[in-house]
């Protein structure tokens, strides 16, 4: 995901209409960057997007663990 492809909103907009920004993230199927004085302070995701990120992270961690075990077993001559 590129920042240029991601909607950007101010902290003031978030304070005024948080649900609108969450809905925007959901509708665009991407995150919405939140800026305060032109500095990034947060990212809004729908709950579904967040859960998908957590699942992807878990899969990557499991894959990394599998690779680490394979390297260890290979170094011990077990495979």
PDB file of N, CA and C in Angstrom:
ATOM      1  N   UNK A   1       0.851  -1.176   0.000  1.00  0.00           N
ATOM      2  CA  UNK A   1       0.000   0.000   0.000  1.00  0.00           C
ATOM      3  C   UNK A   1       0.894   1.235   0.000  1.00  0.00           C
ATOM      4  N   UNK A   2       0.650   2.134  -0.919  1.00  0.00           N
ATOM      5  CA  UNK A   2       1.412   3.371  -1.004  1.00  0.00           C
ATOM      6  C   UNK A   2       0.662   4.474  -0.283  1.00  0.00           C
ATOM      7  N   UNK A   3       1.398   5.362   0.356  1.00  0.00           N
ATOM      8  CA  UNK A   3       0.740   6.462   1.065  1.00  0.00           C
ATOM      9  C   UNK A   3      -0.046   7.343   0.100  1.00  0.00           C
ATOM     10  N   UNK A   4       0.422   7.476  -1.147  1.00  0.00           N
ATOM     11  CA  UNK A   4      -0.276   8.325  -2.109  1.00  0.00           C
ATOM     12  C   UNK A   4      -1.634   7.753  -2.502  1.00  0.00           C
ATOM     13  N   UNK A   5      -1.785   6.442  -2.361  1.00  0.00           N
ATOM     14  CA  UNK A   5      -3.054   5.798  -2.691  1.00  0.00           C
ATOM     15  C   UNK A   5      -4.000   5.750  -1.500  1.00  0.00           C
ATOM     16  N   UNK A   6      -3.562   6.269  -0.382  1.00  0.00           N
ATOM     17  CA  UNK A   6      -4.314   6.165   0.859  1.00  0.00           C
ATOM     18  C   UNK A   6      -4.961   7.498   1.210  1.00  0.00           C
ATOM     19  N   UNK A   7      -6.245   7.480   1.545  1.00  0.00           N
ATOM     20  CA  UNK A   7      -6.893   8.733   1.959  1.00  0.00           C
ATOM     21  C   UNK A   7      -6.213   9.328   3.188  1.00  0.00           C
ATOM     22  N   UNK A   8      -6.189  10.641   3.239  1.00  0.00           N
ATOM     23  CA  UNK A   8      -5.582  11.359   4.360  1.00  0.00           C
ATOM     24  C   UNK A   8      -6.626  12.305   4.935  1.00  0.00           C
ATOM     25  N   UNK A   9      -6.766  12.283   6.258  1.00  0.00           N
ATOM     26  CA  UNK A   9      -7.711  13.165   6.949  1.00  0.00           C
ATOM     27  C   UNK A   9      -7.007  13.805   8.136  1.00  0.00           C
ATOM     28  N   UNK A  10      -7.543  14.917   8.563  1.00  0.00           N
ATOM     29  CA  UNK A  10      -6.967  15.613   9.719  1.00  0.00           C
ATOM     30  C   UNK A  10      -7.568  15.072  11.010  1.00  0.00           C
ATOM     31  N   UNK A  11      -6.885  15.340  12.097  1.00  0.00           N
ATOM     32  CA  UNK A  11      -7.387  14.942  13.409  1.00  0.00           C
ATOM     33  C   UNK A  11      -8.706  15.647  13.700  1.00  0.00           C
ATOM     34  N   UNK A  12      -8.864  16.866  13.187  1.00  0.00           N
ATOM     35  CA  UNK A  12     -10.120  17.607  13.372  1.00  0.00           C
ATOM     36  C   UNK A  12     -11.276  16.890  12.692  1.00  0.00           C
ATOM     37  N   UNK A  13     -11.024  16.378  11.477  1.00  0.00           N
ATOM     38  CA  UNK A  13     -12.062  15.622  10.774  1.00  0.00           C
ATOM     39  C   UNK A  13     -12.420  14.357  11.545  1.00  0.00           C
ATOM     40  N   UNK A  14     -11.414  13.715  12.113  1.00  0.00           N
ATOM     41  CA  UNK A  14     -11.658  12.505  12.896  1.00  0.00           C
ATOM     42  C   UNK A  14     -12.507  12.810  14.123  1.00  0.00           C
ATOM     43  N   UNK A  15     -12.216  13.917  14.782  1.00  0.00           N
ATOM     44  CA  UNK A  15     -12.988  14.300  15.970  1.00  0.00           C
ATOM     45  C   UNK A  15     -14.436  14.611  15.618  1.00  0.00           C
ATOM     46  N   UNK A  16     -14.647  15.243  14.462  1.00  0.00           N
ATOM     47  CA  UNK A  16     -16.001  15.642  14.054  1.00  0.00           C
ATOM     48  C   UNK A  16     -16.837  14.459  13.585  1.00  0.00           C
ATOM     49  N   UNK A  17     -16.215  13.535  12.863  1.00  0.00           N
ATOM     50  CA  UNK A  17     -16.995  12.454  12.253  1.00  0.00           C
ATOM     51  C   UNK A  17     -16.189  11.152  12.205  1.00  0.00           C
ATOM     52  N   UNK A  18     -15.944  10.538  13.355  1.00  0.00           N
ATOM     53  CA  UNK A  18     -15.124   9.319  13.365  1.00  0.00           C
ATOM     54  C   UNK A  18     -15.733   8.165  12.565  1.00  0.00           C
ATOM     55  N   UNK A  19     -17.039   8.012  12.649  1.00  0.00           N
ATOM     56  CA  UNK A  19     -17.691   6.915  11.923  1.00  0.00           C
ATOM     57  C   UNK A  19     -17.542   7.099  10.420  1.00  0.00           C
ATOM     58  N   UNK A  20     -17.613   8.337   9.952  1.00  0.00           N
ATOM     59  CA  UNK A  20     -17.448   8.600   8.519  1.00  0.00           C
ATOM     60  C   UNK A  20     -16.073   8.146   8.037  1.00  0.00           C
ATOM     61  N   UNK A  21     -15.059   8.374   8.841  1.00  0.00           N
ATOM     62  CA  UNK A  21     -13.703   7.990   8.446  1.00  0.00           C
ATOM     63  C   UNK A  21     -13.539   6.473   8.491  1.00  0.00           C
ATOM     64  N   UNK A  22     -14.140   5.834   9.468  1.00  0.00           N
ATOM     65  CA  UNK A  22     -14.112   4.366   9.522  1.00  0.00           C
ATOM     66  C   UNK A  22     -14.830   3.789   8.310  1.00  0.00           C
ATOM     67  N   UNK A  23     -15.959   4.367   7.968  1.00  0.00           N
ATOM     68  CA  UNK A  23     -16.705   3.917   6.784  1.00  0.00           C
ATOM     69  C   UNK A  23     -15.901   4.146   5.506  1.00  0.00           C
ATOM     70  N   UNK A  24     -15.156   5.238   5.450  1.00  0.00           N
ATOM     71  CA  UNK A  24     -14.306   5.504   4.290  1.00  0.00           C
ATOM     72  C   UNK A  24     -13.236   4.419   4.153  1.00  0.00           C
ATOM     73  N   UNK A  25     -12.633   4.044   5.261  1.00  0.00           N
ATOM     74  CA  UNK A  25     -11.631   2.972   5.233  1.00  0.00           C
ATOM     75  C   UNK A  25     -12.257   1.674   4.738  1.00  0.00           C
ATOM     76  N   UNK A  26     -13.447   1.403   5.210  1.00  0.00           N
ATOM     77  CA  UNK A  26     -14.156   0.193   4.804  1.00  0.00           C
ATOM     78  C   UNK A  26     -14.500   0.239   3.319  1.00  0.00           C
ATOM     79  N   UNK A  27     -15.034   1.368   2.859  1.00  0.00           N
ATOM     80  CA  UNK A  27     -15.475   1.507   1.471  1.00  0.00           C
ATOM     81  C   UNK A  27     -14.307   1.469   0.486  1.00  0.00           C
ATOM     82  N   UNK A  28     -13.196   2.077   0.858  1.00  0.00           N
ATOM     83  CA  UNK A  28     -12.034   2.117  -0.036  1.00  0.00           C
ATOM     84  C   UNK A  28     -11.141   0.892   0.121  1.00  0.00           C
ATOM     85  N   UNK A  29     -11.463   0.066   1.117  1.00  0.00           N
ATOM     86  CA  UNK A  29     -10.694  -1.145   1.417  1.00  0.00           C
ATOM     87  C   UNK A  29      -9.217  -0.829   1.625  1.00  0.00           C
ATOM     88  N   UNK A  30      -8.967   0.276   2.296  1.00  0.00           N
ATOM     89  CA  UNK A  30      -7.611   0.676   2.643  1.00  0.00           C
ATOM     90  C   UNK A  30      -7.648   1.437   3.952  1.00  0.00           C
ATOM     91  N   UNK A  31      -6.497   1.807   4.415  1.00  0.00           N
ATOM     92  CA  UNK A  31      -6.440   2.592   5.644  1.00  0.00           C
ATOM     93  C   UNK A  31      -6.683   4.060   5.334  1.00  0.00           C
ATOM     94  N   UNK A  32      -6.914   4.833   6.380  1.00  0.00           N
ATOM     95  CA  UNK A  32      -7.018   6.288   6.265  1.00  0.00           C
ATOM     96  C   UNK A  32      -5.991   6.869   7.232  1.00  0.00           C
ATOM     97  N   UNK A  33      -5.044   7.610   6.689  1.00  0.00           N
ATOM     98  CA  UNK A  33      -4.032   8.245   7.533  1.00  0.00           C
ATOM     99  C   UNK A  33      -4.623   9.454   8.226  1.00  0.00           C
ATOM    100  N   UNK A  34      -4.267   9.629   9.488  1.00  0.00           N
ATOM    101  CA  UNK A  34      -4.718  10.776  10.277  1.00  0.00           C
ATOM    102  C   UNK A  34      -3.506  11.662  10.553  1.00  0.00           C
ATOM    103  N   UNK A  35      -3.656  12.941  10.212  1.00  0.00           N
ATOM    104  CA  UNK A  35      -2.588  13.914  10.414  1.00  0.00           C
ATOM    105  C   UNK A  35      -2.981  14.933  11.465  1.00  0.00           C
ATOM    106  N   UNK A  36      -1.993  15.381  12.228  1.00  0.00           N
ATOM    107  CA  UNK A  36      -2.165  16.480  13.170  1.00  0.00           C
ATOM    108  C   UNK A  36      -1.033  17.461  12.888  1.00  0.00           C
ATOM    109  N   UNK A  37      -1.372  18.656  12.454  1.00  0.00           N
ATOM    110  CA  UNK A  37      -0.371  19.652  12.050  1.00  0.00           C
ATOM    111  C   UNK A  37       0.567  19.076  10.990  1.00  0.00           C
ATOM    112  N   UNK A  38      -0.044  18.391  10.010  1.00  0.00           N
ATOM    113  CA  UNK A  38       0.674  17.803   8.869  1.00  0.00           C
ATOM    114  C   UNK A  38       1.673  16.714   9.243  1.00  0.00           C
ATOM    115  N   UNK A  39       1.515  16.121  10.401  1.00  0.00           N
ATOM    116  CA  UNK A  39       2.339  14.983  10.811  1.00  0.00           C
ATOM    117  C   UNK A  39       1.434  13.779  11.045  1.00  0.00           C
ATOM    118  N   UNK A  40       1.875  12.627  10.578  1.00  0.00           N
ATOM    119  CA  UNK A  40       1.105  11.412  10.789  1.00  0.00           C
ATOM    120  C   UNK A  40       1.024  11.055  12.261  1.00  0.00           C
ATOM    121  N   UNK A  41      -0.204  10.849  12.746  1.00  0.00           N
ATOM    122  CA  UNK A  41      -0.395  10.492  14.153  1.00  0.00           C
ATOM    123  C   UNK A  41      -1.170   9.190  14.326  1.00  0.00           C
ATOM    124  N   UNK A  42      -1.719   8.675  13.236  1.00  0.00           N
ATOM    125  CA  UNK A  42      -2.479   7.444  13.363  1.00  0.00           C
ATOM    126  C   UNK A  42      -2.990   6.948  12.033  1.00  0.00           C
ATOM    127  N   UNK A  43      -3.569   5.762  12.097  1.00  0.00           N
ATOM    128  CA  UNK A  43      -4.136   5.122  10.922  1.00  0.00           C
ATOM    129  C   UNK A  43      -5.461   4.504  11.337  1.00  0.00           C
ATOM    130  N   UNK A  44      -6.485   4.723  10.537  1.00  0.00           N
ATOM    131  CA  UNK A  44      -7.797   4.146  10.811  1.00  0.00           C
ATOM    132  C   UNK A  44      -8.025   2.976   9.863  1.00  0.00           C
ATOM    133  N   UNK A  45      -8.459   1.857  10.437  1.00  0.00           N
ATOM    134  CA  UNK A  45      -8.839   0.668   9.690  1.00  0.00           C
ATOM    135  C   UNK A  45     -10.207   0.219  10.170  1.00  0.00           C
ATOM    136  N   UNK A  46     -10.938  -0.464   9.312  1.00  0.00           N
ATOM    137  CA  UNK A  46     -12.162  -1.102   9.792  1.00  0.00           C
ATOM    138  C   UNK A  46     -11.745  -2.297  10.647  1.00  0.00           C
ATOM    139  N   UNK A  47     -12.641  -2.794  11.454  1.00  0.00           N
ATOM    140  CA  UNK A  47     -12.304  -3.951  12.298  1.00  0.00           C
ATOM    141  C   UNK A  47     -11.958  -5.164  11.438  1.00  0.00           C
ATOM    142  N   UNK A  48     -12.627  -5.312  10.310  1.00  0.00           N
ATOM    143  CA  UNK A  48     -12.334  -6.435   9.414  1.00  0.00           C
ATOM    144  C   UNK A  48     -10.915  -6.318   8.844  1.00  0.00           C
ATOM    145  N   UNK A  49     -10.529  -5.115   8.442  1.00  0.00           N
ATOM    146  CA  UNK A  49      -9.174  -4.915   7.927  1.00  0.00           C
ATOM    147  C   UNK A  49      -8.137  -5.235   9.003  1.00  0.00           C
ATOM    148  N   UNK A  50      -8.391  -4.786  10.218  1.00  0.00           N
ATOM    149  CA  UNK A  50      -7.465  -5.029  11.325  1.00  0.00           C
ATOM    150  C   UNK A  50      -7.339  -6.526  11.604  1.00  0.00           C
ATOM    151  N   UNK A  51      -8.465  -7.224  11.642  1.00  0.00           N
ATOM    152  CA  UNK A  51      -8.439  -8.665  11.887  1.00  0.00           C
ATOM    153  C   UNK A  51      -7.680  -9.392  10.782  1.00  0.00           C
ATOM    154  N   UNK A  52      -7.871  -8.960   9.530  1.00  0.00           N
ATOM    155  CA  UNK A  52      -7.142  -9.572   8.417  1.00  0.00           C
ATOM    156  C   UNK A  52      -5.635  -9.354   8.554  1.00  0.00           C
ATOM    157  N   UNK A  53      -5.239  -8.165   8.996  1.00  0.00           N
ATOM    158  CA  UNK A  53      -3.816  -7.896   9.220  1.00  0.00           C
ATOM    159  C   UNK A  53      -3.251  -8.794  10.316  1.00  0.00           C
ATOM    160  N   UNK A  54      -4.018  -8.972  11.390  1.00  0.00           N
ATOM    161  CA  UNK A  54      -3.560  -9.848  12.475  1.00  0.00           C
ATOM    162  C   UNK A  54      -3.416 -11.288  12.002  1.00  0.00           C
ATOM    163  N   UNK A  55      -4.370 -11.755  11.195  1.00  0.00           N
ATOM    164  CA  UNK A  55      -4.281 -13.120  10.666  1.00  0.00           C
ATOM    165  C   UNK A  55      -3.070 -13.273   9.752  1.00  0.00           C
ATOM    166  N   UNK A  56      -2.833 -12.285   8.904  1.00  0.00           N
ATOM    167  CA  UNK A  56      -1.679 -12.328   8.006  1.00  0.00           C
ATOM    168  C   UNK A  56      -0.378 -12.337   8.807  1.00  0.00           C
ATOM    169  N   UNK A  57      -0.321 -11.522   9.843  1.00  0.00           N
ATOM    170  CA  UNK A  57       0.864 -11.480  10.714  1.00  0.00           C
ATOM    171  C   UNK A  57       1.096 -12.844  11.356  1.00  0.00           C
ATOM    172  N   UNK A  58       0.034 -13.467  11.846  1.00  0.00           N
ATOM    173  CA  UNK A  58       0.147 -14.784  12.468  1.00  0.00           C
ATOM    174  C   UNK A  58       0.666 -15.816  11.472  1.00  0.00           C
ATOM    175  N   UNK A  59       0.136 -15.798  10.249  1.00  0.00           N
ATOM    176  CA  UNK A  59       0.598 -16.736   9.220  1.00  0.00           C
ATOM    177  C   UNK A  59       2.078 -16.530   8.916  1.00  0.00           C
ATOM    178  N   UNK A  60       2.495 -15.279   8.820  1.00  0.00           N
ATOM    179  CA  UNK A  60       3.903 -14.988   8.545  1.00  0.00           C
ATOM    180  C   UNK A  60       4.798 -15.456   9.691  1.00  0.00           C
ATOM    181  N   UNK A  61       4.354 -15.226  10.925  1.00  0.00           N
ATOM    182  CA  UNK A  61       5.128 -15.672  12.083  1.00  0.00           C
ATOM    183  C   UNK A  61       5.240 -17.194  12.115  1.00  0.00           C
ATOM    184  N   UNK A  62       4.143 -17.892  11.793  1.00  0.00           N
ATOM    185  CA  UNK A  62       4.172 -19.353  11.767  1.00  0.00           C
ATOM    186  C   UNK A  62       5.112 -19.854  10.677  1.00  0.00           C
ATOM    187  N   UNK A  63       5.073 -19.201   9.511  1.00  0.00           N
ATOM    188  CA  UNK A  63       5.971 -19.581   8.423  1.00  0.00           C
ATOM    189  C   UNK A  63       7.423 -19.365   8.800  1.00  0.00           C
ATOM    190  N   UNK A  64       7.704 -18.268   9.469  1.00  0.00           N
ATOM    191  CA  UNK A  64       9.065 -17.983   9.920  1.00  0.00           C
ATOM    192  C   UNK A  64       9.526 -19.029  10.934  1.00  0.00           C
ATOM    193  N   UNK A  65       8.651 -19.393  11.842  1.00  0.00           N
ATOM    194  CA  UNK A  65       8.990 -20.422  12.827  1.00  0.00           C
ATOM    195  C   UNK A  65       9.283 -21.754  12.139  1.00  0.00           C
ATOM    196  N   UNK A  66       8.464 -22.110  11.140  1.00  0.00           N
ATOM    197  CA  UNK A  66       8.709 -23.342  10.385  1.00  0.00           C
ATOM    198  C   UNK A  66      10.088 -23.318   9.730  1.00  0.00           C
ATOM    199  N   UNK A  67      10.461 -22.174   9.155  1.00  0.00           N
ATOM    200  CA  UNK A  67      11.773 -22.052   8.522  1.00  0.00           C
ATOM    201  C   UNK A  67      12.899 -22.166   9.541  1.00  0.00           C
ATOM    202  N   UNK A  68      12.714 -21.549  10.699  1.00  0.00           N
ATOM    203  CA  UNK A  68      13.733 -21.622  11.749  1.00  0.00           C
ATOM    204  C   UNK A  68      13.928 -23.058  12.223  1.00  0.00           C
ATOM    205  N   UNK A  69      12.837 -23.789  12.374  1.00  0.00           N
ATOM    206  CA  UNK A  69      12.921 -25.194  12.792  1.00  0.00           C
ATOM    207  C   UNK A  69      13.631 -26.009  11.715  1.00  0.00           C
ATOM    208  N   UNK A  70      13.295 -25.762  10.446  1.00  0.00           N
ATOM    209  CA  UNK A  70      13.934 -26.496   9.353  1.00  0.00           C
ATOM    210  C   UNK A  70      15.434 -26.228   9.322  1.00  0.00           C
ATOM    211  N   UNK A  71      15.840 -24.985   9.514  1.00  0.00           N
ATOM    212  CA  UNK A  71      17.267 -24.645   9.534  1.00  0.00           C
ATOM    213  C   UNK A  71      17.958 -25.345  10.701  1.00  0.00           C
ATOM    214  N   UNK A  72      17.324 -25.346  11.857  1.00  0.00           N
ATOM    215  CA  UNK A  72      17.900 -26.004  13.029  1.00  0.00           C
ATOM    216  C   UNK A  72      18.050 -27.506  12.794  1.00  0.00           C
ATOM    217  N   UNK A  73      16.994 -28.132  12.274  1.00  0.00           N
ATOM    218  CA  UNK A  73      17.049 -29.572  12.015  1.00  0.00           C
ATOM    219  C   UNK A  73      18.114 -29.905  10.973  1.00  0.00           C
ATOM    220  N   UNK A  74      18.220 -29.071   9.957  1.00  0.00           N
ATOM    221  CA  UNK A  74      19.225 -29.305   8.921  1.00  0.00           C
ATOM    222  C   UNK A  74      20.633 -29.166   9.494  1.00  0.00           C
ATOM    223  N   UNK A  75      20.834 -28.171  10.354  1.00  0.00           N
ATOM    224  CA  UNK A  75      22.166 -27.976  10.950  1.00  0.00           C
ATOM    225  C   UNK A  75      22.548 -29.135  11.864  1.00  0.00           C
ATOM    226  N   UNK A  76      21.543 -29.837  12.380  1.00  0.00           N
ATOM    227  CA  UNK A  76      21.790 -30.992  13.249  1.00  0.00           C
ATOM    228  C   UNK A  76      21.826 -32.298  12.456  1.00  0.00           C
ATOM    229  N   UNK A  77      21.665 -32.196  11.137  1.00  0.00           N
ATOM    230  CA  UNK A  77      21.704 -33.373  10.279  1.00  0.00           C
ATOM    231  C   UNK A  77      20.473 -34.244  10.370  1.00  0.00           C
ATOM    232  N   UNK A  78      19.390 -33.701  10.848  1.00  0.00           N
ATOM    233  CA  UNK A  78      18.159 -34.490  11.004  1.00  0.00           C
ATOM    234  C   UNK A  78      17.314 -34.511   9.735  1.00  0.00           C
ATOM    235  N   UNK A  79      17.590 -33.594   8.828  1.00  0.00           N
ATOM    236  CA  UNK A  79      16.860 -33.607   7.548  1.00  0.00           C
ATOM    237  C   UNK A  79      17.819 -33.371   6.405  1.00  0.00           C
TER     238      UNK A  79
END
